[in-house]
Every structure is written in structure tokens, then in C-alpha cells.
N, C-alpha and C. Protein backbone atom coordinates (compact mmCIF):
# COMPACT_ATOMS: atom_id res chain seq x y z
N MET A 1 -56.88 -59.02 13.81
CA MET A 1 -57.23 -58.15 12.71
C MET A 1 -57.99 -58.97 11.67
N THR A 2 -59.16 -58.54 11.34
CA THR A 2 -59.92 -59.19 10.28
C THR A 2 -60.26 -58.15 9.23
N LEU A 3 -60.36 -58.60 8.02
CA LEU A 3 -60.70 -57.71 6.92
C LEU A 3 -61.87 -58.34 6.15
N PRO A 4 -63.07 -58.29 6.76
CA PRO A 4 -64.21 -59.03 6.21
C PRO A 4 -64.72 -58.53 4.87
N ASN A 5 -64.36 -57.32 4.49
CA ASN A 5 -64.88 -56.76 3.24
C ASN A 5 -63.95 -56.94 2.05
N SER A 6 -62.85 -57.68 2.27
CA SER A 6 -61.89 -57.89 1.19
C SER A 6 -62.50 -58.75 0.09
N VAL A 7 -62.33 -58.30 -1.15
CA VAL A 7 -62.77 -59.08 -2.31
C VAL A 7 -61.57 -59.70 -3.02
N PHE A 8 -60.37 -59.22 -2.68
CA PHE A 8 -59.14 -59.78 -3.23
C PHE A 8 -58.02 -59.53 -2.23
N THR A 9 -57.23 -60.55 -1.98
CA THR A 9 -56.01 -60.43 -1.20
C THR A 9 -54.97 -61.29 -1.90
N GLY A 10 -53.86 -60.69 -2.27
CA GLY A 10 -52.87 -61.49 -2.98
C GLY A 10 -51.51 -60.83 -3.04
N PHE A 11 -50.59 -61.64 -3.50
CA PHE A 11 -49.21 -61.19 -3.69
C PHE A 11 -48.94 -61.04 -5.18
N TYR A 12 -48.24 -59.99 -5.53
CA TYR A 12 -47.66 -59.85 -6.85
C TYR A 12 -46.15 -59.91 -6.65
N LEU A 13 -45.48 -60.76 -7.39
CA LEU A 13 -44.04 -60.95 -7.25
C LEU A 13 -43.32 -60.26 -8.39
N PHE A 14 -42.18 -59.65 -8.06
CA PHE A 14 -41.41 -58.87 -9.03
C PHE A 14 -40.38 -59.77 -9.70
N ASP A 15 -40.41 -59.84 -11.02
CA ASP A 15 -39.50 -60.70 -11.77
C ASP A 15 -38.28 -59.96 -12.30
N GLY A 16 -38.09 -58.72 -11.87
CA GLY A 16 -36.99 -57.91 -12.35
C GLY A 16 -37.44 -56.90 -13.40
N GLN A 17 -38.64 -57.12 -13.94
CA GLN A 17 -39.18 -56.20 -14.94
C GLN A 17 -40.60 -55.76 -14.63
N GLU A 18 -41.43 -56.69 -14.14
CA GLU A 18 -42.83 -56.39 -13.88
C GLU A 18 -43.32 -57.21 -12.70
N LEU A 19 -44.52 -56.89 -12.24
CA LEU A 19 -45.16 -57.66 -11.17
C LEU A 19 -46.02 -58.75 -11.80
N LEU A 20 -45.89 -59.97 -11.26
CA LEU A 20 -46.67 -61.11 -11.74
C LEU A 20 -47.54 -61.62 -10.60
N LEU A 21 -48.77 -61.95 -10.91
CA LEU A 21 -49.70 -62.45 -9.90
C LEU A 21 -49.16 -63.72 -9.27
N GLY A 22 -49.11 -63.72 -7.93
CA GLY A 22 -48.68 -64.89 -7.16
C GLY A 22 -49.87 -65.45 -6.42
N PRO A 23 -49.63 -66.02 -5.23
CA PRO A 23 -50.73 -66.58 -4.44
C PRO A 23 -51.77 -65.51 -4.11
N PHE A 24 -53.04 -65.88 -4.20
CA PHE A 24 -54.11 -64.92 -3.94
C PHE A 24 -55.39 -65.65 -3.55
N GLN A 25 -56.34 -64.90 -3.00
CA GLN A 25 -57.70 -65.38 -2.79
C GLN A 25 -58.62 -64.33 -3.37
N GLY A 26 -59.70 -64.79 -3.93
CA GLY A 26 -60.62 -63.88 -4.60
C GLY A 26 -60.65 -64.20 -6.08
N GLY A 27 -61.30 -63.35 -6.84
CA GLY A 27 -61.37 -63.55 -8.28
C GLY A 27 -60.02 -63.34 -8.93
N VAL A 28 -59.82 -64.01 -10.07
CA VAL A 28 -58.57 -63.81 -10.81
C VAL A 28 -58.49 -62.36 -11.20
N SER A 29 -57.34 -61.78 -10.94
CA SER A 29 -57.15 -60.36 -11.14
C SER A 29 -56.18 -60.14 -12.29
N CYS A 30 -55.64 -58.94 -12.38
CA CYS A 30 -54.62 -58.65 -13.38
C CYS A 30 -53.44 -59.59 -13.15
N VAL A 31 -52.92 -60.17 -14.21
CA VAL A 31 -51.83 -61.14 -14.08
C VAL A 31 -50.47 -60.46 -14.19
N HIS A 32 -50.33 -59.48 -15.06
CA HIS A 32 -49.08 -58.73 -15.26
C HIS A 32 -49.35 -57.26 -14.95
N ILE A 33 -48.46 -56.65 -14.16
CA ILE A 33 -48.57 -55.21 -13.88
C ILE A 33 -47.19 -54.58 -14.03
N ALA A 34 -47.10 -53.57 -14.87
CA ALA A 34 -45.84 -52.86 -15.08
C ALA A 34 -45.55 -51.96 -13.88
N LEU A 35 -44.25 -51.76 -13.59
CA LEU A 35 -43.87 -50.83 -12.53
C LEU A 35 -44.43 -49.45 -12.85
N GLY A 36 -45.01 -48.82 -11.85
CA GLY A 36 -45.57 -47.49 -12.02
C GLY A 36 -47.00 -47.48 -12.50
N LYS A 37 -47.51 -48.61 -12.98
CA LYS A 37 -48.88 -48.67 -13.50
C LYS A 37 -49.83 -49.21 -12.43
N GLY A 38 -50.94 -48.54 -12.24
CA GLY A 38 -51.89 -48.96 -11.22
C GLY A 38 -51.34 -48.75 -9.82
N VAL A 39 -52.15 -49.05 -8.84
CA VAL A 39 -51.75 -48.84 -7.45
C VAL A 39 -50.62 -49.80 -7.08
N CYS A 40 -50.70 -51.04 -7.53
CA CYS A 40 -49.63 -52.01 -7.23
C CYS A 40 -48.31 -51.58 -7.85
N GLY A 41 -48.34 -51.19 -9.12
CA GLY A 41 -47.12 -50.77 -9.79
C GLY A 41 -46.53 -49.50 -9.20
N GLU A 42 -47.42 -48.61 -8.75
CA GLU A 42 -46.99 -47.35 -8.12
C GLU A 42 -46.33 -47.63 -6.77
N ALA A 43 -46.96 -48.48 -5.95
CA ALA A 43 -46.39 -48.83 -4.64
C ALA A 43 -45.05 -49.54 -4.81
N ALA A 44 -44.95 -50.41 -5.81
CA ALA A 44 -43.70 -51.13 -6.07
C ALA A 44 -42.61 -50.17 -6.52
N ALA A 45 -42.92 -49.29 -7.46
CA ALA A 45 -41.93 -48.35 -7.99
C ALA A 45 -41.42 -47.40 -6.91
N ASN A 46 -42.32 -46.92 -6.06
CA ASN A 46 -41.95 -45.97 -5.00
C ASN A 46 -41.54 -46.64 -3.71
N GLN A 47 -41.78 -47.95 -3.62
CA GLN A 47 -41.50 -48.74 -2.42
C GLN A 47 -42.11 -48.09 -1.17
N GLU A 48 -43.37 -47.68 -1.33
CA GLU A 48 -44.14 -47.08 -0.23
C GLU A 48 -45.56 -47.64 -0.26
N THR A 49 -46.12 -47.85 0.93
CA THR A 49 -47.50 -48.30 1.03
C THR A 49 -48.44 -47.22 0.50
N ILE A 50 -49.45 -47.65 -0.22
CA ILE A 50 -50.45 -46.73 -0.75
C ILE A 50 -51.83 -47.21 -0.30
N ILE A 51 -52.60 -46.27 0.24
CA ILE A 51 -54.01 -46.51 0.58
C ILE A 51 -54.85 -45.65 -0.36
N VAL A 52 -55.79 -46.29 -1.04
CA VAL A 52 -56.70 -45.57 -1.93
C VAL A 52 -58.11 -45.73 -1.36
N ALA A 53 -58.68 -44.62 -0.91
CA ALA A 53 -59.99 -44.65 -0.26
C ALA A 53 -61.11 -44.97 -1.25
N ASP A 54 -60.99 -44.47 -2.47
CA ASP A 54 -62.01 -44.68 -3.50
C ASP A 54 -61.30 -44.88 -4.83
N VAL A 55 -61.23 -46.11 -5.28
CA VAL A 55 -60.46 -46.42 -6.50
C VAL A 55 -61.03 -45.73 -7.73
N THR A 56 -62.32 -45.37 -7.71
CA THR A 56 -62.90 -44.71 -8.88
C THR A 56 -62.37 -43.29 -9.05
N LYS A 57 -61.72 -42.76 -8.02
CA LYS A 57 -61.19 -41.40 -8.07
C LYS A 57 -59.67 -41.36 -8.15
N HIS A 58 -59.03 -42.52 -8.23
CA HIS A 58 -57.56 -42.58 -8.28
C HIS A 58 -57.12 -42.58 -9.74
N ALA A 59 -56.33 -41.58 -10.11
CA ALA A 59 -55.95 -41.39 -11.52
C ALA A 59 -55.18 -42.57 -12.10
N ASN A 60 -54.41 -43.28 -11.28
CA ASN A 60 -53.55 -44.35 -11.78
C ASN A 60 -54.13 -45.74 -11.50
N TYR A 61 -55.41 -45.83 -11.24
CA TYR A 61 -56.02 -47.11 -10.89
C TYR A 61 -56.27 -47.96 -12.13
N ILE A 62 -55.93 -49.25 -12.03
CA ILE A 62 -56.25 -50.24 -13.07
C ILE A 62 -57.39 -51.08 -12.53
N SER A 63 -58.50 -51.11 -13.22
CA SER A 63 -59.65 -51.88 -12.76
C SER A 63 -59.51 -53.34 -13.16
N CYS A 64 -59.24 -54.18 -12.17
CA CYS A 64 -59.14 -55.63 -12.40
C CYS A 64 -60.39 -56.34 -11.90
N ASP A 65 -61.13 -55.70 -10.99
CA ASP A 65 -62.34 -56.30 -10.42
C ASP A 65 -63.32 -55.18 -10.12
N SER A 66 -64.47 -55.19 -10.74
CA SER A 66 -65.44 -54.12 -10.56
C SER A 66 -66.00 -54.06 -9.14
N ALA A 67 -65.83 -55.12 -8.36
CA ALA A 67 -66.31 -55.13 -6.97
C ALA A 67 -65.39 -54.34 -6.05
N ALA A 68 -64.16 -54.08 -6.46
CA ALA A 68 -63.20 -53.37 -5.61
C ALA A 68 -63.54 -51.88 -5.57
N MET A 69 -63.60 -51.34 -4.35
CA MET A 69 -63.90 -49.93 -4.17
C MET A 69 -62.79 -49.17 -3.44
N SER A 70 -62.00 -49.88 -2.63
CA SER A 70 -60.84 -49.27 -1.99
C SER A 70 -59.72 -50.30 -1.98
N GLU A 71 -58.49 -49.81 -1.76
CA GLU A 71 -57.33 -50.70 -1.91
C GLU A 71 -56.20 -50.25 -1.00
N ILE A 72 -55.42 -51.22 -0.53
CA ILE A 72 -54.17 -50.94 0.15
C ILE A 72 -53.12 -51.87 -0.45
N VAL A 73 -51.96 -51.30 -0.76
CA VAL A 73 -50.86 -52.07 -1.34
C VAL A 73 -49.60 -51.81 -0.51
N VAL A 74 -48.99 -52.90 -0.03
CA VAL A 74 -47.78 -52.82 0.80
C VAL A 74 -46.62 -53.41 0.01
N PRO A 75 -45.57 -52.62 -0.24
CA PRO A 75 -44.42 -53.17 -0.96
C PRO A 75 -43.65 -54.16 -0.10
N MET A 76 -43.05 -55.14 -0.76
CA MET A 76 -42.24 -56.15 -0.08
C MET A 76 -40.80 -55.95 -0.55
N VAL A 77 -39.96 -55.42 0.35
CA VAL A 77 -38.58 -55.11 0.01
C VAL A 77 -37.66 -55.82 0.99
N LYS A 78 -36.72 -56.61 0.46
CA LYS A 78 -35.77 -57.34 1.29
C LYS A 78 -34.37 -57.05 0.78
N ASN A 79 -33.47 -56.68 1.71
CA ASN A 79 -32.09 -56.34 1.34
C ASN A 79 -32.06 -55.28 0.24
N ASN A 80 -32.92 -54.28 0.38
CA ASN A 80 -33.02 -53.17 -0.57
C ASN A 80 -33.43 -53.60 -1.97
N GLN A 81 -34.01 -54.80 -2.11
CA GLN A 81 -34.48 -55.28 -3.41
C GLN A 81 -35.98 -55.53 -3.34
N LEU A 82 -36.68 -55.08 -4.36
CA LEU A 82 -38.12 -55.31 -4.44
C LEU A 82 -38.39 -56.78 -4.68
N VAL A 83 -39.20 -57.39 -3.81
CA VAL A 83 -39.63 -58.78 -3.96
C VAL A 83 -41.01 -58.81 -4.61
N GLY A 84 -41.87 -57.87 -4.21
CA GLY A 84 -43.23 -57.82 -4.74
C GLY A 84 -44.08 -56.89 -3.91
N VAL A 85 -45.39 -57.10 -3.95
CA VAL A 85 -46.32 -56.31 -3.15
C VAL A 85 -47.41 -57.22 -2.60
N LEU A 86 -47.97 -56.82 -1.48
CA LEU A 86 -49.19 -57.43 -0.94
C LEU A 86 -50.32 -56.47 -1.27
N ASP A 87 -51.36 -56.98 -1.92
CA ASP A 87 -52.46 -56.15 -2.41
C ASP A 87 -53.78 -56.63 -1.80
N LEU A 88 -54.53 -55.71 -1.20
CA LEU A 88 -55.86 -56.02 -0.67
C LEU A 88 -56.86 -55.04 -1.26
N ASP A 89 -57.97 -55.57 -1.74
CA ASP A 89 -59.06 -54.76 -2.28
C ASP A 89 -60.31 -55.01 -1.44
N SER A 90 -61.07 -53.95 -1.19
CA SER A 90 -62.31 -54.05 -0.42
C SER A 90 -63.50 -53.65 -1.27
N ARG A 91 -64.64 -54.20 -0.94
CA ARG A 91 -65.88 -53.84 -1.64
C ARG A 91 -66.45 -52.53 -1.13
N LEU A 92 -65.88 -51.98 -0.05
CA LEU A 92 -66.34 -50.71 0.52
C LEU A 92 -65.34 -49.60 0.24
N THR A 93 -65.82 -48.39 0.04
CA THR A 93 -64.91 -47.26 -0.06
C THR A 93 -64.38 -46.94 1.34
N ASP A 94 -63.20 -46.37 1.38
CA ASP A 94 -62.60 -45.89 2.64
C ASP A 94 -62.48 -47.00 3.68
N ASP A 95 -62.16 -48.22 3.25
CA ASP A 95 -62.15 -49.36 4.17
C ASP A 95 -60.80 -49.59 4.84
N TYR A 96 -59.73 -48.99 4.35
CA TYR A 96 -58.41 -49.19 4.94
C TYR A 96 -57.91 -47.89 5.55
N ASP A 97 -57.16 -48.04 6.65
CA ASP A 97 -56.67 -46.86 7.35
C ASP A 97 -55.24 -47.09 7.84
N ALA A 98 -54.74 -46.15 8.64
CA ALA A 98 -53.37 -46.21 9.15
C ALA A 98 -53.14 -47.43 10.03
N ILE A 99 -54.15 -47.88 10.73
CA ILE A 99 -54.00 -49.08 11.58
C ILE A 99 -53.81 -50.31 10.69
N ASP A 100 -54.61 -50.43 9.63
CA ASP A 100 -54.41 -51.53 8.68
C ASP A 100 -53.00 -51.46 8.09
N GLN A 101 -52.58 -50.26 7.73
CA GLN A 101 -51.25 -50.09 7.16
C GLN A 101 -50.18 -50.57 8.13
N GLU A 102 -50.28 -50.15 9.39
CA GLU A 102 -49.29 -50.53 10.40
C GLU A 102 -49.20 -52.05 10.52
N TYR A 103 -50.34 -52.71 10.66
CA TYR A 103 -50.32 -54.16 10.86
C TYR A 103 -49.91 -54.92 9.61
N LEU A 104 -50.34 -54.47 8.45
CA LEU A 104 -49.94 -55.15 7.21
C LEU A 104 -48.45 -54.97 6.94
N GLU A 105 -47.91 -53.79 7.26
CA GLU A 105 -46.47 -53.58 7.10
C GLU A 105 -45.68 -54.47 8.06
N LYS A 106 -46.19 -54.63 9.29
CA LYS A 106 -45.53 -55.54 10.24
C LYS A 106 -45.61 -56.99 9.75
N PHE A 107 -46.76 -57.39 9.21
CA PHE A 107 -46.92 -58.74 8.66
C PHE A 107 -45.91 -58.98 7.54
N VAL A 108 -45.81 -58.05 6.62
CA VAL A 108 -44.87 -58.19 5.50
C VAL A 108 -43.43 -58.24 6.01
N ALA A 109 -43.10 -57.43 7.01
CA ALA A 109 -41.74 -57.43 7.56
C ALA A 109 -41.40 -58.79 8.16
N VAL A 110 -42.31 -59.38 8.92
CA VAL A 110 -42.08 -60.70 9.51
C VAL A 110 -41.98 -61.76 8.41
N LEU A 111 -42.86 -61.69 7.44
CA LEU A 111 -42.84 -62.64 6.32
C LEU A 111 -41.49 -62.59 5.60
N LEU A 112 -41.01 -61.40 5.32
CA LEU A 112 -39.74 -61.26 4.62
C LEU A 112 -38.56 -61.71 5.48
N GLU A 113 -38.63 -61.41 6.77
CA GLU A 113 -37.55 -61.79 7.68
C GLU A 113 -37.46 -63.30 7.84
N LYS A 114 -38.59 -63.96 7.93
CA LYS A 114 -38.62 -65.39 8.23
C LYS A 114 -38.61 -66.28 6.99
N SER A 115 -38.68 -65.68 5.82
CA SER A 115 -38.77 -66.47 4.58
C SER A 115 -37.54 -66.28 3.72
N TYR A 116 -37.19 -67.34 3.02
CA TYR A 116 -36.14 -67.27 2.01
C TYR A 116 -36.84 -67.19 0.67
N TRP A 117 -36.54 -66.19 -0.09
CA TRP A 117 -37.22 -65.97 -1.37
C TRP A 117 -36.30 -66.42 -2.49
N ASN A 118 -36.61 -67.56 -3.06
CA ASN A 118 -35.89 -68.06 -4.21
C ASN A 118 -36.90 -68.16 -5.35
N LEU A 119 -36.93 -67.14 -6.14
CA LEU A 119 -37.91 -67.08 -7.22
C LEU A 119 -37.31 -67.72 -8.46
N ASP A 120 -37.14 -69.06 -8.40
CA ASP A 120 -36.50 -69.80 -9.49
C ASP A 120 -37.14 -69.53 -10.84
N MET A 121 -38.45 -69.36 -10.84
CA MET A 121 -39.10 -69.15 -12.13
C MET A 121 -38.63 -67.87 -12.79
N PHE A 122 -38.02 -66.98 -11.99
CA PHE A 122 -37.51 -65.73 -12.53
C PHE A 122 -35.98 -65.74 -12.62
N GLY A 123 -35.35 -66.77 -12.05
CA GLY A 123 -33.89 -66.82 -12.03
C GLY A 123 -33.27 -65.80 -11.10
N VAL A 124 -34.01 -65.42 -10.06
CA VAL A 124 -33.55 -64.39 -9.13
C VAL A 124 -33.70 -64.90 -7.71
N GLU A 125 -32.67 -64.72 -6.89
CA GLU A 125 -32.76 -65.05 -5.46
C GLU A 125 -32.89 -63.76 -4.68
N LYS A 126 -33.78 -63.77 -3.69
CA LYS A 126 -33.98 -62.58 -2.85
C LYS A 126 -33.85 -62.99 -1.40
């Protein structure tokens, strides 16, 4: 699976109150995101993957990079606790689909299963 049109791929980690930018590639994006705000905050709050075909038409979209035209956000939940989200932005509209969702959800599941999450900077173990 390759995602050649991605302009941003990164993790936002949940500190118990908000999402904070973690490891990423691409331009520096939003650093703090409140639960329920933007696509990342919405996916985190609902703990459901969200695909946005055209970010310019999404009512809850926060513009962090003008090059982003579509987005997929996969929540990261371990032991019924929100750890964060995986966020991918594309320079093309309608660039993500159900196949991307399936594989990204599998990737996140393996990552969570095989990793120990000790977010010392937040004082929270996951």
C-alpha cells in the first residue's frame, strides 16, 4: 500500500484532555486539537475512522495545511482508552477509500497490540 499523494502523515497523542502532535512527516501542522474539533478531534471523540473526500466541504474541518484536500483519521484505542489518532492528508480530493480505511485500521491495531504506550510526558500509561 502506498499513499503517494499524502502531504501529511502523523500521530496525535491524547493527553487526557486534548490531542497533541506526535511523530509526523510533512509540514508542521496543528499542534493542539481539542476533542470534537476538526476531523482528528471528531474521530477521537467518537472513536471511529473518518474519511473526508473534500475538506473544503466538511463543516468541522480545521485547516492546518492549505495543500490538504482530503483526509482520513483512524482512532487509536487500547484497552478501551483513547491513545490518539493516525492522521493522513492528501493533496487530492477523494483520495482515501474503504480499502485505505481497512488497511490503516489493521496497521493501527497491530501497532497498538505490539507496542507499550507509556506517555510519561502526560503521566498516563496506556
